Each structure stands twice: as structure tokens, then as C-alpha cells.
Amino acid sequence: MKKHLFVTVIVLFLAATVANACCVDIDIKPGSDQNKINPGSGGLTSVAILTTCSFDATRIDPSTCYMLGPNTRNGGAPAEQNMLQDVDNDGDLDMVLKFRTNQTGIEHGDQSASVIGNTDVGESFSGNDGITTVGSGQ
């Protein structure tokens, strides 16, 4: 019962965060145009959150970031790793986060995934990118 209540609280918190979040540019699997994801994979999926003229990705608090599928009910996967890197070669640093793929809630047939989180001053953000699911279950 406690676990169910905890999951419910997390889902409600994430829903409120997304509703009031600023939109950011993300790139799932930087360097790949196809963004192929195997939902059953126990590996890590990289996501770059891009710095733009209106958002400084170096201000992200990685401990608040989650990756989730469009119909996720489990709260998504927390970021397990992070680093700053210029992934889009525009001269500024972007935040690259890695998430445990099979914990994201992405399911076969999903065509998009999102990342949500907060900056170091508590500003909420969310970003979305297209994906193609692969692997068993197709």
C-alpha cells in the first residue's frame, strides 16, 4: 500500500511539473536521426538538453530529471549519469543525461518520449523528441 501511495504521489508531482514547465529542446540519442529505442533494454539511453538563447542547460539539476514515455504511469526513469558537452556544435554547453531504458515507461509503438526536470533555481522544464521503438514486442 505504501509503495502504491508513493507511486501515485510521484505521478501527480510529475503531472504538475509538466503542466507548468517551460519547453526546452532535447535530442534523444544525440548523433542519431532515427532515435531507435528498445523498451526492454536494460541499457542506458542518452538525451541531450540543448542550451538555447532562452534556456541555459548548464543550470539543470540532474537529480530532478526523469525520462518518460507518452503514457508513463510509473514516474519514469531518473537520470543515472550526466555531463556537460557541446553536442550540437554551436559553441555552448548542453546537458547530456543517461536514463535506464527499461524504467522509462516507453512501450513498443510509442513515437515520442519526454524529459522533465528543474534548474538549480527550481524552474521546471520539459522537452519532447520523436523515437522509433525496436526489439521484441514489435
C-alpha atoms as a PDB file:
ATOM      1  CA  MET A   1       0.000   0.000   0.000  1.00  0.00           C
ATOM      2  CA  LYS A   2       2.835   2.417   0.854  1.00  0.00           C
ATOM      3  CA  LYS A   3       4.535   1.727  -2.493  1.00  0.00           C
ATOM      4  CA  HIS A   4       1.262   2.385  -4.359  1.00  0.00           C
ATOM      5  CA  LEU A   5       0.797   5.672  -2.493  1.00  0.00           C
ATOM      6  CA  PHE A   6       4.405   6.681  -3.227  1.00  0.00           C
ATOM      7  CA  VAL A   7       3.990   5.968  -6.958  1.00  0.00           C
ATOM      8  CA  THR A   8       0.721   7.927  -7.002  1.00  0.00           C
ATOM      9  CA  VAL A   9       2.392  10.919  -5.347  1.00  0.00           C
ATOM     10  CA  ILE A  10       5.296  10.794  -7.832  1.00  0.00           C
ATOM     11  CA  VAL A  11       2.920  10.633 -10.821  1.00  0.00           C
ATOM     12  CA  LEU A  12       0.870  13.580  -9.514  1.00  0.00           C
ATOM     13  CA  PHE A  13       4.064  15.577  -8.899  1.00  0.00           C
ATOM     14  CA  LEU A  14       5.336  14.849 -12.410  1.00  0.00           C
ATOM     15  CA  ALA A  15       1.982  15.812 -13.946  1.00  0.00           C
ATOM     16  CA  ALA A  16       2.033  19.149 -12.098  1.00  0.00           C
ATOM     17  CA  THR A  17       5.642  19.740 -13.138  1.00  0.00           C
ATOM     18  CA  VAL A  18       4.896  19.161 -16.831  1.00  0.00           C
ATOM     19  CA  ALA A  19       1.813  21.402 -16.735  1.00  0.00           C
ATOM     20  CA  ASN A  20       3.851  24.414 -15.526  1.00  0.00           C
ATOM     21  CA  ALA A  21       7.144  23.705 -17.294  1.00  0.00           C
ATOM     22  CA  CYS A  22       8.934  25.784 -19.895  1.00  0.00           C
ATOM     23  CA  CYS A  23       9.632  23.935 -23.145  1.00  0.00           C
ATOM     24  CA  VAL A  24      13.228  23.050 -23.990  1.00  0.00           C
ATOM     25  CA  ASP A  25      14.919  21.497 -26.997  1.00  0.00           C
ATOM     26  CA  ILE A  26      16.099  17.923 -26.455  1.00  0.00           C
ATOM     27  CA  ASP A  27      17.878  15.395 -28.636  1.00  0.00           C
ATOM     28  CA  ILE A  28      17.308  11.740 -27.775  1.00  0.00           C
ATOM     29  CA  LYS A  29      20.350   9.675 -28.757  1.00  0.00           C
ATOM     30  CA  PRO A  30      22.482  12.630 -29.888  1.00  0.00           C
ATOM     31  CA  GLY A  31      24.175  11.924 -33.201  1.00  0.00           C
ATOM     32  CA  SER A  32      21.358   9.658 -34.404  1.00  0.00           C
ATOM     33  CA  ASP A  33      18.484  10.824 -36.578  1.00  0.00           C
ATOM     34  CA  GLN A  34      16.434   7.664 -36.023  1.00  0.00           C
ATOM     35  CA  ASN A  35      16.374   7.610 -32.193  1.00  0.00           C
ATOM     36  CA  LYS A  36      15.827   3.852 -32.055  1.00  0.00           C
ATOM     37  CA  ILE A  37      14.913   2.609 -28.583  1.00  0.00           C
ATOM     38  CA  ASN A  38      14.355  -0.952 -27.411  1.00  0.00           C
ATOM     39  CA  PRO A  39      11.913  -0.538 -24.488  1.00  0.00           C
ATOM     40  CA  GLY A  40      13.057  -3.835 -22.931  1.00  0.00           C
ATOM     41  CA  SER A  41      16.732  -2.891 -22.911  1.00  0.00           C
ATOM     42  CA  GLY A  42      18.446  -2.677 -19.537  1.00  0.00           C
ATOM     43  CA  GLY A  43      20.997  -0.312 -21.075  1.00  0.00           C
ATOM     44  CA  LEU A  44      21.179   3.455 -20.904  1.00  0.00           C
ATOM     45  CA  THR A  45      19.618   5.956 -23.305  1.00  0.00           C
ATOM     46  CA  SER A  46      21.368   9.309 -23.752  1.00  0.00           C
ATOM     47  CA  VAL A  47      19.385  12.528 -24.024  1.00  0.00           C
ATOM     48  CA  ALA A  48      20.881  15.964 -24.645  1.00  0.00           C
ATOM     49  CA  ILE A  49      19.078  19.013 -23.319  1.00  0.00           C
ATOM     50  CA  LEU A  50      20.237  21.849 -25.524  1.00  0.00           C
ATOM     51  CA  THR A  51      21.290  25.309 -24.458  1.00  0.00           C
ATOM     52  CA  THR A  52      19.445  27.948 -26.493  1.00  0.00           C
ATOM     53  CA  CYS A  53      19.101  31.728 -26.346  1.00  0.00           C
ATOM     54  CA  SER A  54      16.202  31.239 -23.901  1.00  0.00           C
ATOM     55  CA  PHE A  55      17.440  28.267 -21.824  1.00  0.00           C
ATOM     56  CA  ASP A  56      20.801  27.565 -20.173  1.00  0.00           C
ATOM     57  CA  ALA A  57      21.160  23.792 -19.891  1.00  0.00           C
ATOM     58  CA  THR A  58      24.196  24.171 -17.594  1.00  0.00           C
ATOM     59  CA  ARG A  59      21.740  25.305 -14.882  1.00  0.00           C
ATOM     60  CA  ILE A  60      19.909  21.945 -14.842  1.00  0.00           C
ATOM     61  CA  ASP A  61      19.801  19.999 -11.577  1.00  0.00           C
ATOM     62  CA  PRO A  62      20.325  16.433 -12.899  1.00  0.00           C
ATOM     63  CA  SER A  63      18.913  14.882  -9.710  1.00  0.00           C
ATOM     64  CA  THR A  64      15.461  16.229 -10.680  1.00  0.00           C
ATOM     65  CA  CYS A  65      15.420  14.850 -14.241  1.00  0.00           C
ATOM     66  CA  TYR A  66      13.247  11.980 -15.479  1.00  0.00           C
ATOM     67  CA  MET A  67      12.725  10.416 -18.906  1.00  0.00           C
ATOM     68  CA  LEU A  68       9.286   9.045 -19.672  1.00  0.00           C
ATOM     69  CA  GLY A  69       7.155   7.666 -22.457  1.00  0.00           C
ATOM     70  CA  PRO A  70       3.937   9.387 -23.568  1.00  0.00           C
ATOM     71  CA  ASN A  71       1.712   7.129 -21.430  1.00  0.00           C
ATOM     72  CA  THR A  72       4.019   6.601 -18.447  1.00  0.00           C
ATOM     73  CA  ARG A  73       2.261   5.917 -15.183  1.00  0.00           C
ATOM     74  CA  ASN A  74       5.270   4.782 -13.126  1.00  0.00           C
ATOM     75  CA  GLY A  75       7.035   8.130 -12.836  1.00  0.00           C
ATOM     76  CA  GLY A  76       9.677   7.431 -15.475  1.00  0.00           C
ATOM     77  CA  ALA A  77      13.385   6.784 -15.072  1.00  0.00           C
ATOM     78  CA  PRO A  78      15.629   9.115 -13.072  1.00  0.00           C
ATOM     79  CA  ALA A  79      18.863  10.316 -14.654  1.00  0.00           C
ATOM     80  CA  GLU A  80      21.709   7.956 -13.711  1.00  0.00           C
ATOM     81  CA  GLN A  81      24.578   9.871 -15.293  1.00  0.00           C
ATOM     82  CA  ASN A  82      25.168  13.409 -16.509  1.00  0.00           C
ATOM     83  CA  MET A  83      27.806  15.519 -18.211  1.00  0.00           C
ATOM     84  CA  LEU A  84      28.150  18.866 -19.941  1.00  0.00           C
ATOM     85  CA  GLN A  85      29.115  18.681 -23.610  1.00  0.00           C
ATOM     86  CA  ASP A  86      28.560  20.733 -26.765  1.00  0.00           C
ATOM     87  CA  VAL A  87      26.528  18.112 -28.663  1.00  0.00           C
ATOM     88  CA  ASP A  88      25.128  20.438 -31.343  1.00  0.00           C
ATOM     89  CA  ASN A  89      28.469  22.150 -32.077  1.00  0.00           C
ATOM     90  CA  ASP A  90      27.167  25.682 -31.519  1.00  0.00           C
ATOM     91  CA  GLY A  91      29.843  26.699 -29.016  1.00  0.00           C
ATOM     92  CA  ASP A  92      27.806  26.361 -25.812  1.00  0.00           C
ATOM     93  CA  LEU A  93      27.476  23.521 -23.341  1.00  0.00           C
ATOM     94  CA  ASP A  94      24.459  21.213 -23.344  1.00  0.00           C
ATOM     95  CA  MET A  95      23.432  18.784 -20.594  1.00  0.00           C
ATOM     96  CA  VAL A  96      23.682  15.120 -21.536  1.00  0.00           C
ATOM     97  CA  LEU A  97      21.749  12.758 -19.272  1.00  0.00           C
ATOM     98  CA  LYS A  98      21.595   8.958 -19.322  1.00  0.00           C
ATOM     99  CA  PHE A  99      18.490   7.031 -18.284  1.00  0.00           C
ATOM    100  CA  ARG A 100      17.873   3.288 -17.710  1.00  0.00           C
ATOM    101  CA  THR A 101      15.804   2.497 -20.815  1.00  0.00           C
ATOM    102  CA  ASN A 102      13.544  -0.210 -19.358  1.00  0.00           C
ATOM    103  CA  GLN A 103      12.493   2.093 -16.500  1.00  0.00           C
ATOM    104  CA  THR A 104      11.267   4.972 -18.677  1.00  0.00           C
ATOM    105  CA  GLY A 105       7.822   3.553 -19.346  1.00  0.00           C
ATOM    106  CA  ILE A 106       8.407   3.739 -23.097  1.00  0.00           C
ATOM    107  CA  GLU A 107       6.384   0.974 -24.778  1.00  0.00           C
ATOM    108  CA  HIS A 108       6.588  -0.647 -28.196  1.00  0.00           C
ATOM    109  CA  GLY A 109       4.823   1.554 -30.716  1.00  0.00           C
ATOM    110  CA  ASP A 110       5.485   4.827 -28.864  1.00  0.00           C
ATOM    111  CA  GLN A 111       6.609   7.581 -31.202  1.00  0.00           C
ATOM    112  CA  SER A 112       7.878  10.128 -28.695  1.00  0.00           C
ATOM    113  CA  ALA A 113       9.495  10.435 -25.282  1.00  0.00           C
ATOM    114  CA  SER A 114       9.982  13.331 -22.893  1.00  0.00           C
ATOM    115  CA  VAL A 115      12.420  14.598 -20.302  1.00  0.00           C
ATOM    116  CA  ILE A 116      11.283  16.698 -17.367  1.00  0.00           C
ATOM    117  CA  GLY A 117      13.219  18.326 -14.560  1.00  0.00           C
ATOM    118  CA  ASN A 118      14.200  21.511 -12.780  1.00  0.00           C
ATOM    119  CA  THR A 119      17.025  24.006 -12.940  1.00  0.00           C
ATOM    120  CA  ASP A 120      19.221  24.771  -9.952  1.00  0.00           C
ATOM    121  CA  VAL A 121      16.813  27.616  -9.047  1.00  0.00           C
ATOM    122  CA  GLY A 122      13.701  25.428  -9.254  1.00  0.00           C
ATOM    123  CA  GLU A 123      12.441  26.412 -12.716  1.00  0.00           C
ATOM    124  CA  SER A 124      10.581  23.438 -14.249  1.00  0.00           C
ATOM    125  CA  PHE A 125      11.235  22.381 -17.830  1.00  0.00           C
ATOM    126  CA  SER A 126      10.136  19.685 -20.242  1.00  0.00           C
ATOM    127  CA  GLY A 127      11.205  18.608 -23.695  1.00  0.00           C
ATOM    128  CA  ASN A 128       9.981  16.059 -26.228  1.00  0.00           C
ATOM    129  CA  ASP A 129      11.580  14.232 -29.164  1.00  0.00           C
ATOM    130  CA  GLY A 130      10.481  11.598 -31.648  1.00  0.00           C
ATOM    131  CA  ILE A 131      11.566   7.969 -31.269  1.00  0.00           C
ATOM    132  CA  THR A 132      11.256   4.649 -33.089  1.00  0.00           C
ATOM    133  CA  THR A 133      10.839   1.558 -30.926  1.00  0.00           C
ATOM    134  CA  VAL A 134      12.631  -1.652 -31.882  1.00  0.00           C
ATOM    135  CA  GLY A 135      13.158  -5.132 -30.449  1.00  0.00           C
ATOM    136  CA  SER A 136      10.786  -7.870 -29.321  1.00  0.00           C
ATOM    137  CA  GLY A 137       7.199  -6.785 -28.843  1.00  0.00           C
ATOM    138  CA  GLN A 138       7.005  -5.123 -32.248  1.00  0.00           C
END
